[in-house]
Amino acid sequence: MELVAKAEELERATRDAWIRKGERTARWIIIGCGLLYGGITRVVFGMEVLSKWLGGAASATFLFLVPVAMGALVAFLGMTLGQPKRTGYWGAGAPLLCLLIGMLVSLVTGFEAAFCLLVAAPILIVMTLIGGLVTAAIVKRTGGGRLQVTAVVLMPYAVAPLEQMIALPEDLLTVHNQVEIHASPREVWSQIASVPEISRDELRWSWVHPIGFPRPRAAVLDGEGVGAVRIATFERNVSFFERVTDWQPEKTIAFGIEADPQFVPANAFDQHVIVGGRFYDVLDGRYVIEASGEGKVILHLSSRHRLNTHLGRYASWWSEQVMDEIQGNILEVIRKRTEERAGK
């Protein structure tokens, strides 16, 4: 009898192990279905031939509705295919895991840039949770939801063409930075009209460079006065033409910025933040030297930017953070160089 009991116990343990293994396999298959949906939709939205109708992966439709659909799909499959009906896991845990795996794969394969994923992450996470939790609650309460989930999965393809009928608003942003420098206006002017080669050691660490923005290298002025051309170069063979529009020695220099595609390699920036592209452009910049007591000046640097997106203030905030960091870093290089030369 004891032998029979042990045999039955072993059989139950084996059966339970196979059931658990089957459940784990099913969970990954369900998450894989969510990844497949997200991947296919990203490829379709990224097709140039369809960009006129779908708007691309930077559209509000993609950022808000696709994660809702992915979360809903994972939650529905998990709650209806014989898995334990755990609303918390299928409504939040599994959809988020699916999203994070998709983002990691996109980053590792180079399909998406780190900056775009950073900007999109808060929206994607919130919308994925909404899709998953609402769907899990519906399935738990009604035992159905197939029709609703089908509609949600197809919704991005239906809504995207409607979004493209709405003209992209044009927002003009101004970003201003300043730094106090212990030097004369003449000494500061010599460091901003043309900027000699900047080594990496001169630049402070900045969060914008690891996520894809090239470091500044130099700015060379080919003459003096209004109409002169200043060529600003960055890493990855990026160059911008800056035509001088205001020239007041030891006071002000301003320039319009032209982004020539021939001097901005396609792989230098993410496709959604190409300077001079559909969504973003840097229009002009201005340095102002303000006297501030004996032996000190305040150097101001401001720039204007064009932003075309349906994401409104959210996109503007990110643009301001990036330019504030870049301009602040440049001013710090100028301050150090000027004060070292002045012996301060």
C-alpha atoms as a PDB file:
ATOM      1  CA  MET A   1       0.000   0.000   0.000  1.00  0.00           C
ATOM      2  CA  GLU A   2       2.788   2.360   0.851  1.00  0.00           C
ATOM      3  CA  LEU A   3       4.412   1.663  -2.518  1.00  0.00           C
ATOM      4  CA  VAL A   4       1.145   2.357  -4.333  1.00  0.00           C
ATOM      5  CA  ALA A   5       0.701   5.632  -2.434  1.00  0.00           C
ATOM      6  CA  LYS A   6       4.198   6.729  -3.340  1.00  0.00           C
ATOM      7  CA  ALA A   7       3.553   5.844  -6.983  1.00  0.00           C
ATOM      8  CA  GLU A   8       0.321   7.869  -6.991  1.00  0.00           C
ATOM      9  CA  GLU A   9       2.098  10.789  -5.337  1.00  0.00           C
ATOM     10  CA  LEU A  10       4.843  10.672  -7.958  1.00  0.00           C
ATOM     11  CA  GLU A  11       2.234  10.547 -10.722  1.00  0.00           C
ATOM     12  CA  ARG A  12       0.437  13.594  -9.296  1.00  0.00           C
ATOM     13  CA  ALA A  13       3.711  15.476  -8.948  1.00  0.00           C
ATOM     14  CA  THR A  14       4.653  14.650 -12.541  1.00  0.00           C
ATOM     15  CA  ARG A  15       1.219  15.710 -13.800  1.00  0.00           C
ATOM     16  CA  ASP A  16       1.375  18.969 -11.842  1.00  0.00           C
ATOM     17  CA  ALA A  17       4.854  19.653 -13.198  1.00  0.00           C
ATOM     18  CA  TRP A  18       3.635  19.171 -16.763  1.00  0.00           C
ATOM     19  CA  ILE A  19       0.665  21.435 -16.096  1.00  0.00           C
ATOM     20  CA  ARG A  20       2.941  24.150 -14.710  1.00  0.00           C
ATOM     21  CA  LYS A  21       5.292  23.757 -17.645  1.00  0.00           C
ATOM     22  CA  GLY A  22       2.355  24.021 -20.014  1.00  0.00           C
ATOM     23  CA  GLU A  23       1.129  27.161 -18.269  1.00  0.00           C
ATOM     24  CA  ARG A  24       4.569  28.774 -18.532  1.00  0.00           C
ATOM     25  CA  THR A  25       4.721  27.911 -22.216  1.00  0.00           C
ATOM     26  CA  ALA A  26       1.233  29.303 -22.750  1.00  0.00           C
ATOM     27  CA  ARG A  27       2.162  32.536 -20.967  1.00  0.00           C
ATOM     28  CA  TRP A  28       5.129  33.105 -23.260  1.00  0.00           C
ATOM     29  CA  ILE A  29       3.035  32.273 -26.325  1.00  0.00           C
ATOM     30  CA  ILE A  30       0.467  34.851 -25.254  1.00  0.00           C
ATOM     31  CA  ILE A  31       3.155  37.479 -24.639  1.00  0.00           C
ATOM     32  CA  GLY A  32       4.614  36.526 -28.020  1.00  0.00           C
ATOM     33  CA  CYS A  33       1.239  37.242 -29.646  1.00  0.00           C
ATOM     34  CA  GLY A  34       1.317  40.732 -28.149  1.00  0.00           C
ATOM     35  CA  LEU A  35       4.865  41.260 -29.398  1.00  0.00           C
ATOM     36  CA  LEU A  36       3.889  40.030 -32.852  1.00  0.00           C
ATOM     37  CA  TYR A  37       0.984  42.462 -33.013  1.00  0.00           C
ATOM     38  CA  GLY A  38       3.155  45.373 -31.839  1.00  0.00           C
ATOM     39  CA  GLY A  39       5.990  44.482 -34.215  1.00  0.00           C
ATOM     40  CA  ILE A  40       3.771  44.112 -37.270  1.00  0.00           C
ATOM     41  CA  THR A  41       1.958  47.361 -36.496  1.00  0.00           C
ATOM     42  CA  ARG A  42       5.283  49.208 -36.052  1.00  0.00           C
ATOM     43  CA  VAL A  43       6.514  47.938 -39.415  1.00  0.00           C
ATOM     44  CA  VAL A  44       3.254  48.857 -41.153  1.00  0.00           C
ATOM     45  CA  PHE A  45       3.167  52.344 -39.634  1.00  0.00           C
ATOM     46  CA  GLY A  46       6.822  52.824 -40.577  1.00  0.00           C
ATOM     47  CA  MET A  47       6.309  52.044 -44.262  1.00  0.00           C
ATOM     48  CA  GLU A  48       7.051  55.144 -46.318  1.00  0.00           C
ATOM     49  CA  VAL A  49       4.386  54.228 -48.855  1.00  0.00           C
ATOM     50  CA  LEU A  50       1.756  54.308 -46.095  1.00  0.00           C
ATOM     51  CA  SER A  51       3.050  57.353 -44.197  1.00  0.00           C
ATOM     52  CA  LYS A  52       0.524  59.643 -45.912  1.00  0.00           C
ATOM     53  CA  TRP A  53      -2.360  57.637 -44.400  1.00  0.00           C
ATOM     54  CA  LEU A  54      -0.905  56.314 -41.147  1.00  0.00           C
ATOM     55  CA  GLY A  55       1.488  59.087 -40.145  1.00  0.00           C
ATOM     56  CA  GLY A  56       4.328  56.920 -38.881  1.00  0.00           C
ATOM     57  CA  ALA A  57       5.352  55.738 -35.425  1.00  0.00           C
ATOM     58  CA  ALA A  58       5.619  59.309 -34.093  1.00  0.00           C
ATOM     59  CA  SER A  59       1.906  59.911 -34.604  1.00  0.00           C
ATOM     60  CA  ALA A  60      -0.408  60.328 -31.632  1.00  0.00           C
ATOM     61  CA  THR A  61      -2.452  57.375 -32.912  1.00  0.00           C
ATOM     62  CA  PHE A  62       0.497  55.009 -32.734  1.00  0.00           C
ATOM     63  CA  LEU A  63       1.767  56.207 -29.358  1.00  0.00           C
ATOM     64  CA  PHE A  64      -1.630  56.145 -27.645  1.00  0.00           C
ATOM     65  CA  LEU A  65      -3.715  53.453 -29.333  1.00  0.00           C
ATOM     66  CA  VAL A  66      -1.212  50.746 -30.282  1.00  0.00           C
ATOM     67  CA  PRO A  67      -0.093  50.088 -26.660  1.00  0.00           C
ATOM     68  CA  VAL A  68      -3.759  50.033 -25.600  1.00  0.00           C
ATOM     69  CA  ALA A  69      -4.432  47.391 -28.230  1.00  0.00           C
ATOM     70  CA  MET A  70      -1.344  45.375 -27.303  1.00  0.00           C
ATOM     71  CA  GLY A  71      -2.243  45.413 -23.610  1.00  0.00           C
ATOM     72  CA  ALA A  72      -5.848  44.467 -24.391  1.00  0.00           C
ATOM     73  CA  LEU A  73      -4.795  41.583 -26.633  1.00  0.00           C
ATOM     74  CA  VAL A  74      -2.434  40.080 -24.050  1.00  0.00           C
ATOM     75  CA  ALA A  75      -5.001  40.442 -21.259  1.00  0.00           C
ATOM     76  CA  PHE A  76      -7.816  38.911 -23.322  1.00  0.00           C
ATOM     77  CA  LEU A  77      -5.785  35.905 -24.450  1.00  0.00           C
ATOM     78  CA  GLY A  78      -4.448  35.314 -20.961  1.00  0.00           C
ATOM     79  CA  MET A  79      -7.869  35.507 -19.331  1.00  0.00           C
ATOM     80  CA  THR A  80      -9.666  33.274 -21.852  1.00  0.00           C
ATOM     81  CA  LEU A  81      -7.230  30.535 -22.894  1.00  0.00           C
ATOM     82  CA  GLY A  82      -7.406  28.369 -19.784  1.00  0.00           C
ATOM     83  CA  GLN A  83      -4.870  30.370 -17.791  1.00  0.00           C
ATOM     84  CA  PRO A  84      -5.482  31.271 -14.139  1.00  0.00           C
ATOM     85  CA  LYS A  85      -7.787  34.278 -14.144  1.00  0.00           C
ATOM     86  CA  ARG A  86      -5.486  36.599 -12.241  1.00  0.00           C
ATOM     87  CA  THR A  87      -6.613  40.102 -13.114  1.00  0.00           C
ATOM     88  CA  GLY A  88      -3.474  41.718 -11.708  1.00  0.00           C
ATOM     89  CA  TYR A  89      -1.065  39.596 -13.719  1.00  0.00           C
ATOM     90  CA  TRP A  90      -2.947  39.564 -17.016  1.00  0.00           C
ATOM     91  CA  GLY A  91      -4.120  43.135 -16.682  1.00  0.00           C
ATOM     92  CA  ALA A  92      -0.780  44.687 -15.722  1.00  0.00           C
ATOM     93  CA  GLY A  93       2.178  42.315 -15.341  1.00  0.00           C
ATOM     94  CA  ALA A  94       1.989  40.456 -18.644  1.00  0.00           C
ATOM     95  CA  PRO A  95       1.181  43.521 -20.811  1.00  0.00           C
ATOM     96  CA  LEU A  96       4.034  45.485 -19.233  1.00  0.00           C
ATOM     97  CA  LEU A  97       6.437  42.580 -19.706  1.00  0.00           C
ATOM     98  CA  CYS A  98       5.379  42.384 -23.339  1.00  0.00           C
ATOM     99  CA  LEU A  99       5.959  46.126 -23.804  1.00  0.00           C
ATOM    100  CA  LEU A 100       9.370  46.129 -22.104  1.00  0.00           C
ATOM    101  CA  ILE A 101      10.589  43.179 -24.176  1.00  0.00           C
ATOM    102  CA  GLY A 102       9.439  44.948 -27.325  1.00  0.00           C
ATOM    103  CA  MET A 103      11.236  48.167 -26.365  1.00  0.00           C
ATOM    104  CA  LEU A 104      14.424  46.281 -25.498  1.00  0.00           C
ATOM    105  CA  VAL A 105      14.404  44.420 -28.806  1.00  0.00           C
ATOM    106  CA  SER A 106      13.806  47.690 -30.676  1.00  0.00           C
ATOM    107  CA  LEU A 107      16.754  49.299 -28.903  1.00  0.00           C
ATOM    108  CA  VAL A 108      19.192  46.398 -29.316  1.00  0.00           C
ATOM    109  CA  THR A 109      18.374  45.950 -33.014  1.00  0.00           C
ATOM    110  CA  GLY A 110      18.591  49.676 -33.697  1.00  0.00           C
ATOM    111  CA  PHE A 111      14.997  49.766 -34.885  1.00  0.00           C
ATOM    112  CA  GLU A 112      14.330  52.642 -32.491  1.00  0.00           C
ATOM    113  CA  ALA A 113      16.701  55.206 -30.991  1.00  0.00           C
ATOM    114  CA  ALA A 114      17.177  55.492 -27.245  1.00  0.00           C
ATOM    115  CA  PHE A 115      15.856  59.061 -27.218  1.00  0.00           C
ATOM    116  CA  CYS A 116      12.591  58.137 -28.930  1.00  0.00           C
ATOM    117  CA  LEU A 117      12.056  55.242 -26.531  1.00  0.00           C
ATOM    118  CA  LEU A 118      12.773  57.519 -23.567  1.00  0.00           C
ATOM    119  CA  VAL A 119      10.238  60.092 -24.771  1.00  0.00           C
ATOM    120  CA  ALA A 120       7.617  57.494 -25.656  1.00  0.00           C
ATOM    121  CA  ALA A 121       8.041  55.291 -22.555  1.00  0.00           C
ATOM    122  CA  PRO A 122       5.709  57.188 -20.168  1.00  0.00           C
ATOM    123  CA  ILE A 123       2.915  57.235 -22.756  1.00  0.00           C
ATOM    124  CA  LEU A 124       3.434  53.611 -23.771  1.00  0.00           C
ATOM    125  CA  ILE A 125       3.454  52.345 -20.187  1.00  0.00           C
ATOM    126  CA  VAL A 126       0.300  54.210 -19.142  1.00  0.00           C
ATOM    127  CA  MET A 127      -1.654  53.268 -22.259  1.00  0.00           C
ATOM    128  CA  THR A 128      -0.561  49.608 -22.071  1.00  0.00           C
ATOM    129  CA  LEU A 129      -1.803  49.432 -18.477  1.00  0.00           C
ATOM    130  CA  ILE A 130      -5.119  51.013 -19.459  1.00  0.00           C
ATOM    131  CA  GLY A 131      -5.634  48.488 -22.247  1.00  0.00           C
ATOM    132  CA  GLY A 132      -4.664  45.524 -20.075  1.00  0.00           C
ATOM    133  CA  LEU A 133      -6.509  46.405 -16.879  1.00  0.00           C
ATOM    134  CA  VAL A 134      -9.761  47.447 -18.569  1.00  0.00           C
ATOM    135  CA  THR A 135      -9.805  44.320 -20.721  1.00  0.00           C
ATOM    136  CA  ALA A 136      -9.003  42.015 -17.806  1.00  0.00           C
ATOM    137  CA  ALA A 137     -11.818  43.577 -15.777  1.00  0.00           C
ATOM    138  CA  ILE A 138     -14.295  43.158 -18.654  1.00  0.00           C
ATOM    139  CA  VAL A 139     -13.375  39.512 -19.211  1.00  0.00           C
ATOM    140  CA  LYS A 140     -13.523  38.753 -15.500  1.00  0.00           C
ATOM    141  CA  ARG A 141     -16.971  40.310 -15.166  1.00  0.00           C
ATOM    142  CA  THR A 142     -18.613  39.126 -18.415  1.00  0.00           C
ATOM    143  CA  GLY A 143     -16.541  36.131 -19.488  1.00  0.00           C
ATOM    144  CA  GLY A 144     -16.456  37.625 -23.002  1.00  0.00           C
ATOM    145  CA  GLY A 145     -14.958  40.665 -24.670  1.00  0.00           C
ATOM    146  CA  ARG A 146     -13.932  39.150 -28.003  1.00  0.00           C
ATOM    147  CA  LEU A 147     -15.790  41.776 -30.051  1.00  0.00           C
ATOM    148  CA  GLN A 148     -14.444  44.674 -27.978  1.00  0.00           C
ATOM    149  CA  VAL A 149     -10.847  43.464 -28.177  1.00  0.00           C
ATOM    150  CA  THR A 150     -11.108  42.938 -31.937  1.00  0.00           C
ATOM    151  CA  ALA A 151     -12.318  46.529 -32.312  1.00  0.00           C
ATOM    152  CA  VAL A 152      -9.485  47.849 -30.126  1.00  0.00           C
ATOM    153  CA  VAL A 153      -6.849  45.869 -32.067  1.00  0.00           C
ATOM    154  CA  LEU A 154      -8.077  47.303 -35.371  1.00  0.00           C
ATOM    155  CA  MET A 155      -8.661  50.813 -34.038  1.00  0.00           C
ATOM    156  CA  PRO A 156      -5.156  52.241 -34.753  1.00  0.00           C
ATOM    157  CA  TYR A 157      -5.558  51.439 -38.445  1.00  0.00           C
ATOM    158  CA  ALA A 158      -8.960  53.142 -38.527  1.00  0.00           C
ATOM    159  CA  VAL A 159      -8.046  56.238 -36.496  1.00  0.00           C
ATOM    160  CA  ALA A 160      -4.628  56.970 -38.053  1.00  0.00           C
ATOM    161  CA  PRO A 161      -6.041  58.208 -41.405  1.00  0.00           C
ATOM    162  CA  LEU A 162      -8.389  60.519 -39.492  1.00  0.00           C
ATOM    163  CA  GLU A 163      -5.456  61.996 -37.565  1.00  0.00           C
ATOM    164  CA  GLN A 164      -3.656  62.714 -40.837  1.00  0.00           C
ATOM    165  CA  MET A 165      -6.575  64.898 -41.914  1.00  0.00           C
ATOM    166  CA  ILE A 166      -5.711  67.262 -39.038  1.00  0.00           C
ATOM    167  CA  ALA A 167      -2.883  69.613 -39.982  1.00  0.00           C
ATOM    168  CA  LEU A 168       0.195  69.433 -37.789  1.00  0.00           C
ATOM    169  CA  PRO A 169       0.390  72.545 -35.597  1.00  0.00           C
ATOM    170  CA  GLU A 170       3.593  74.562 -35.748  1.00  0.00           C
ATOM    171  CA  ASP A 171       5.026  75.521 -32.369  1.00  0.00           C
ATOM    172  CA  LEU A 172       7.918  77.976 -32.128  1.00  0.00           C
ATOM    173  CA  LEU A 173       9.991  77.482 -28.982  1.00  0.00           C
ATOM    174  CA  THR A 174      12.744  79.657 -27.542  1.00  0.00           C
ATOM    175  CA  VAL A 175      15.342  78.175 -25.202  1.00  0.00           C
ATOM    176  CA  HIS A 176      17.587  80.534 -23.215  1.00  0.00           C
ATOM    177  CA  ASN A 177      20.697  79.812 -21.134  1.00  0.00           C
ATOM    178  CA  GLN A 178      23.218  82.075 -19.451  1.00  0.00           C
ATOM    179  CA  VAL A 179      26.479  81.848 -17.563  1.00  0.00           C
ATOM    180  CA  GLU A 180      28.581  84.318 -15.584  1.00  0.00           C
ATOM    181  CA  ILE A 181      32.167  84.620 -16.799  1.00  0.00           C
ATOM    182  CA  HIS A 182      35.034  86.381 -15.027  1.00  0.00           C
ATOM    183  CA  ALA A 183      36.509  88.043 -18.083  1.00  0.00           C
ATOM    184  CA  SER A 184      36.108  91.104 -20.308  1.00  0.00           C
ATOM    185  CA  PRO A 185      33.648  91.331 -23.235  1.00  0.00           C
ATOM    186  CA  ARG A 186      36.627  91.290 -25.618  1.00  0.00           C
ATOM    187  CA  GLU A 187      37.916  88.009 -24.179  1.00  0.00           C
ATOM    188  CA  VAL A 188      34.466  86.406 -24.311  1.00  0.00           C
ATOM    189  CA  TRP A 189      33.887  87.596 -27.883  1.00  0.00           C
ATOM    190  CA  SER A 190      37.063  85.872 -29.045  1.00  0.00           C
ATOM    191  CA  GLN A 191      35.636  82.558 -27.825  1.00  0.00           C
ATOM    192  CA  ILE A 192      32.177  82.737 -29.409  1.00  0.00           C
ATOM    193  CA  ALA A 193      32.704  84.178 -32.877  1.00  0.00           C
ATOM    194  CA  SER A 194      34.691  81.051 -33.723  1.00  0.00           C
ATOM    195  CA  VAL A 195      34.943  78.063 -31.414  1.00  0.00           C
ATOM    196  CA  PRO A 196      38.160  76.004 -31.719  1.00  0.00           C
ATOM    197  CA  GLU A 197      38.049  72.204 -31.592  1.00  0.00           C
ATOM    198  CA  ILE A 198      36.318  70.938 -28.431  1.00  0.00           C
ATOM    199  CA  SER A 199      37.791  67.814 -26.882  1.00  0.00           C
ATOM    200  CA  ARG A 200      35.613  65.310 -25.044  1.00  0.00           C
ATOM    201  CA  ASP A 201      37.410  66.152 -21.797  1.00  0.00           C
ATOM    202  CA  GLU A 202      36.159  69.733 -21.990  1.00  0.00           C
ATOM    203  CA  LEU A 203      32.513  68.678 -22.109  1.00  0.00           C
ATOM    204  CA  ARG A 204      30.809  67.777 -18.861  1.00  0.00           C
ATOM    205  CA  TRP A 205      28.864  64.538 -18.786  1.00  0.00           C
ATOM    206  CA  SER A 206      25.398  65.021 -20.253  1.00  0.00           C
ATOM    207  CA  TRP A 207      22.444  62.631 -20.445  1.00  0.00           C
ATOM    208  CA  VAL A 208      21.647  63.694 -24.028  1.00  0.00           C
ATOM    209  CA  HIS A 209      24.764  62.151 -25.579  1.00  0.00           C
ATOM    210  CA  PRO A 210      24.292  58.511 -24.475  1.00  0.00           C
ATOM    211  CA  ILE A 211      20.761  58.583 -25.903  1.00  0.00           C
ATOM    212  CA  GLY A 212      21.842  59.649 -29.366  1.00  0.00           C
ATOM    213  CA  PHE A 213      22.703  63.352 -29.678  1.00  0.00           C
ATOM    214  CA  PRO A 214      26.182  64.014 -31.128  1.00  0.00           C
ATOM    215  CA  ARG A 215      28.662  66.139 -29.184  1.00  0.00           C
ATOM    216  CA  PRO A 216      29.684  69.579 -30.497  1.00  0.00           C
ATOM    217  CA  ARG A 217      33.149  69.774 -32.014  1.00  0.00           C
ATOM    218  CA  ALA A 218      33.845  73.269 -33.376  1.00  0.00           C
ATOM    219  CA  ALA A 219      32.433  76.367 -35.072  1.00  0.00           C
ATOM    220  CA  VAL A 220      34.464  78.115 -37.790  1.00  0.00           C
ATOM    221  CA  LEU A 221      33.612  81.617 -39.068  1.00  0.00           C
ATOM    222  CA  ASP A 222      34.686  82.404 -42.638  1.00  0.00           C
ATOM    223  CA  GLY A 223      34.586  86.190 -42.290  1.00  0.00           C
ATOM    224  CA  GLU A 224      33.204  89.066 -40.264  1.00  0.00           C
ATOM    225  CA  GLY A 225      29.954  90.986 -40.269  1.00  0.00           C
ATOM    226  CA  VAL A 226      26.416  90.255 -41.397  1.00  0.00           C
ATOM    227  CA  GLY A 227      26.345  87.650 -44.155  1.00  0.00           C
ATOM    228  CA  ALA A 228      29.427  85.759 -43.002  1.00  0.00           C
ATOM    229  CA  VAL A 229      29.006  82.002 -42.688  1.00  0.00           C
ATOM    230  CA  ARG A 230      29.763  80.086 -39.522  1.00  0.00           C
ATOM    231  CA  ILE A 231      30.035  76.306 -39.916  1.00  0.00           C
ATOM    232  CA  ALA A 232      29.229  74.382 -36.740  1.00  0.00           C
ATOM    233  CA  THR A 233      30.388  70.773 -36.678  1.00  0.00           C
ATOM    234  CA  PHE A 234      29.356  67.902 -34.431  1.00  0.00           C
ATOM    235  CA  GLU A 235      30.370  64.277 -34.051  1.00  0.00           C
ATOM    236  CA  ARG A 236      29.188  61.748 -36.682  1.00  0.00           C
ATOM    237  CA  ASN A 237      30.078  64.162 -39.490  1.00  0.00           C
ATOM    238  CA  VAL A 238      27.189  66.523 -38.764  1.00  0.00           C
ATOM    239  CA  SER A 239      27.524  70.139 -39.946  1.00  0.00           C
ATOM    240  CA  PHE A 240      25.205  73.146 -39.833  1.00  0.00           C
ATOM    241  CA  PHE A 241      25.536  76.373 -41.830  1.00  0.00           C
ATOM    242  CA  GLU A 242      24.978  79.433 -39.669  1.00  0.00           C
ATOM    243  CA  ARG A 243      24.666  82.694 -41.637  1.00  0.00           C
ATOM    244  CA  VAL A 244      25.331  85.766 -39.495  1.00  0.00           C
ATOM    245  CA  THR A 245      22.270  88.065 -39.231  1.00  0.00           C
ATOM    246  CA  ASP A 246      23.462  90.412 -36.458  1.00  0.00           C
ATOM    247  CA  TRP A 247      27.075  91.412 -35.803  1.00  0.00           C
ATOM    248  CA  GLN A 248      28.004  93.748 -32.955  1.00  0.00           C
ATOM    249  CA  PRO A 249      31.579  93.007 -31.850  1.00  0.00           C
ATOM    250  CA  GLU A 250      31.926  92.353 -28.118  1.00  0.00           C
ATOM    251  CA  LYS A 251      28.122  92.582 -27.764  1.00  0.00           C
ATOM    252  CA  THR A 252      26.038  90.324 -29.997  1.00  0.00           C
ATOM    253  CA  ILE A 253      26.289  87.750 -32.732  1.00  0.00           C
ATOM    254  CA  ALA A 254      23.182  86.106 -34.193  1.00  0.00           C
ATOM    255  CA  PHE A 255      22.783  83.655 -37.045  1.00  0.00           C
ATOM    256  CA  GLY A 256      20.160  81.771 -38.998  1.00  0.00           C
ATOM    257  CA  ILE A 257      20.726  78.007 -39.027  1.00  0.00           C
ATOM    258  CA  GLU A 258      20.450  75.903 -42.160  1.00  0.00           C
ATOM    259  CA  ALA A 259      20.408  72.110 -41.962  1.00  0.00           C
ATOM    260  CA  ASP A 260      21.669  70.797 -45.297  1.00  0.00           C
ATOM    261  CA  PRO A 261      20.768  67.075 -45.668  1.00  0.00           C
ATOM    262  CA  GLN A 262      24.102  66.515 -47.425  1.00  0.00           C
ATOM    263  CA  PHE A 263      25.894  67.511 -44.226  1.00  0.00           C
ATOM    264  CA  VAL A 264      23.572  65.702 -41.810  1.00  0.00           C
ATOM    265  CA  PRO A 265      24.032  61.938 -42.329  1.00  0.00           C
ATOM    266  CA  ALA A 266      20.831  59.901 -42.191  1.00  0.00           C
ATOM    267  CA  ASN A 267      22.106  57.849 -39.244  1.00  0.00           C
ATOM    268  CA  ALA A 268      23.253  60.848 -37.172  1.00  0.00           C
ATOM    269  CA  PHE A 269      19.840  61.395 -35.590  1.00  0.00           C
ATOM    270  CA  ASP A 270      16.729  59.349 -35.075  1.00  0.00           C
ATOM    271  CA  GLN A 271      14.356  59.667 -38.027  1.00  0.00           C
ATOM    272  CA  HIS A 272      11.770  61.438 -35.846  1.00  0.00           C
ATOM    273  CA  VAL A 273      14.117  64.206 -34.634  1.00  0.00           C
ATOM    274  CA  ILE A 274      16.094  65.001 -37.791  1.00  0.00           C
ATOM    275  CA  VAL A 275      16.998  68.694 -37.747  1.00  0.00           C
ATOM    276  CA  GLY A 276      15.258  70.311 -40.701  1.00  0.00           C
ATOM    277  CA  GLY A 277      12.861  67.390 -41.000  1.00  0.00           C
ATOM    278  CA  ARG A 278       9.088  67.134 -40.901  1.00  0.00           C
ATOM    279  CA  PHE A 279       8.776  67.296 -37.123  1.00  0.00           C
ATOM    280  CA  TYR A 280      11.668  69.454 -35.923  1.00  0.00           C
ATOM    281  CA  ASP A 281      14.068  72.206 -36.928  1.00  0.00           C
ATOM    282  CA  VAL A 282      16.473  74.662 -35.287  1.00  0.00           C
ATOM    283  CA  LEU A 283      15.853  78.080 -36.820  1.00  0.00           C
ATOM    284  CA  ASP A 284      18.407  80.462 -35.351  1.00  0.00           C
ATOM    285  CA  GLY A 285      20.700  81.247 -32.442  1.00  0.00           C
ATOM    286  CA  ARG A 286      22.002  84.331 -30.662  1.00  0.00           C
ATOM    287  CA  TYR A 287      24.848  85.135 -28.249  1.00  0.00           C
ATOM    288  CA  VAL A 288      24.571  88.309 -26.146  1.00  0.00           C
ATOM    289  CA  ILE A 289      27.408  89.590 -23.948  1.00  0.00           C
ATOM    290  CA  GLU A 290      26.059  91.581 -20.998  1.00  0.00           C
ATOM    291  CA  ALA A 291      28.462  93.557 -18.807  1.00  0.00           C
ATOM    292  CA  SER A 292      28.003  92.657 -15.145  1.00  0.00           C
ATOM    293  CA  GLY A 293      30.257  94.681 -12.896  1.00  0.00           C
ATOM    294  CA  GLU A 294      34.007  95.066 -13.084  1.00  0.00           C
ATOM    295  CA  GLY A 295      35.750  92.118 -14.714  1.00  0.00           C
ATOM    296  CA  LYS A 296      32.581  90.062 -15.193  1.00  0.00           C
ATOM    297  CA  VAL A 297      30.037  89.475 -17.949  1.00  0.00           C
ATOM    298  CA  ILE A 298      26.915  87.378 -18.343  1.00  0.00           C
ATOM    299  CA  LEU A 299      26.912  85.449 -21.589  1.00  0.00           C
ATOM    300  CA  HIS A 300      23.447  84.625 -22.940  1.00  0.00           C
ATOM    301  CA  LEU A 301      22.725  81.953 -25.530  1.00  0.00           C
ATOM    302  CA  SER A 302      19.229  81.579 -26.977  1.00  0.00           C
ATOM    303  CA  SER A 303      17.817  79.613 -29.883  1.00  0.00           C
ATOM    304  CA  ARG A 304      14.462  79.217 -31.628  1.00  0.00           C
ATOM    305  CA  HIS A 305      13.014  75.888 -32.719  1.00  0.00           C
ATOM    306  CA  ARG A 306      10.151  74.692 -34.872  1.00  0.00           C
ATOM    307  CA  LEU A 307       8.156  71.714 -33.624  1.00  0.00           C
ATOM    308  CA  ASN A 308       5.374  70.067 -35.635  1.00  0.00           C
ATOM    309  CA  THR A 309       3.498  67.377 -33.737  1.00  0.00           C
ATOM    310  CA  HIS A 310       0.115  66.472 -32.313  1.00  0.00           C
ATOM    311  CA  LEU A 311       1.742  65.726 -28.950  1.00  0.00           C
ATOM    312  CA  GLY A 312       1.568  69.394 -27.932  1.00  0.00           C
ATOM    313  CA  ARG A 313       3.175  70.492 -24.689  1.00  0.00           C
ATOM    314  CA  TYR A 314       4.581  67.029 -23.975  1.00  0.00           C
ATOM    315  CA  ALA A 315       6.834  67.117 -27.053  1.00  0.00           C
ATOM    316  CA  SER A 316       7.729  70.770 -26.420  1.00  0.00           C
ATOM    317  CA  TRP A 317       8.896  69.958 -22.903  1.00  0.00           C
ATOM    318  CA  TRP A 318      11.280  67.274 -24.142  1.00  0.00           C
ATOM    319  CA  SER A 319      12.649  69.565 -26.855  1.00  0.00           C
ATOM    320  CA  GLU A 320      13.307  72.271 -24.276  1.00  0.00           C
ATOM    321  CA  GLN A 321      15.095  69.848 -21.942  1.00  0.00           C
ATOM    322  CA  VAL A 322      17.417  68.616 -24.691  1.00  0.00           C
ATOM    323  CA  MET A 323      18.333  72.081 -25.997  1.00  0.00           C
ATOM    324  CA  ASP A 324      18.756  73.447 -22.479  1.00  0.00           C
ATOM    325  CA  GLU A 325      21.278  70.687 -21.777  1.00  0.00           C
ATOM    326  CA  ILE A 326      23.177  71.167 -25.048  1.00  0.00           C
ATOM    327  CA  GLN A 327      23.349  74.955 -24.773  1.00  0.00           C
ATOM    328  CA  GLY A 328      24.302  74.846 -21.108  1.00  0.00           C
ATOM    329  CA  ASN A 329      27.173  72.503 -21.924  1.00  0.00           C
ATOM    330  CA  ILE A 330      28.452  74.796 -24.689  1.00  0.00           C
ATOM    331  CA  LEU A 331      28.339  77.832 -22.410  1.00  0.00           C
ATOM    332  CA  GLU A 332      30.291  75.968 -19.758  1.00  0.00           C
ATOM    333  CA  VAL A 333      33.044  75.172 -22.291  1.00  0.00           C
ATOM    334  CA  ILE A 334      33.217  78.850 -23.282  1.00  0.00           C
ATOM    335  CA  ARG A 335      33.358  79.929 -19.638  1.00  0.00           C
ATOM    336  CA  LYS A 336      36.226  77.585 -18.781  1.00  0.00           C
ATOM    337  CA  ARG A 337      38.227  78.491 -21.862  1.00  0.00           C
ATOM    338  CA  THR A 338      37.740  82.234 -21.413  1.00  0.00           C
ATOM    339  CA  GLU A 339      38.623  82.246 -17.723  1.00  0.00           C
ATOM    340  CA  GLU A 340      41.684  80.061 -18.292  1.00  0.00           C
ATOM    341  CA  ARG A 341      42.923  82.412 -21.003  1.00  0.00           C
ATOM    342  CA  ALA A 342      42.193  85.430 -18.800  1.00  0.00           C
ATOM    343  CA  GLY A 343      44.044  83.787 -15.915  1.00  0.00           C
ATOM    344  CA  LYS A 344      41.013  83.754 -13.633  1.00  0.00           C
END
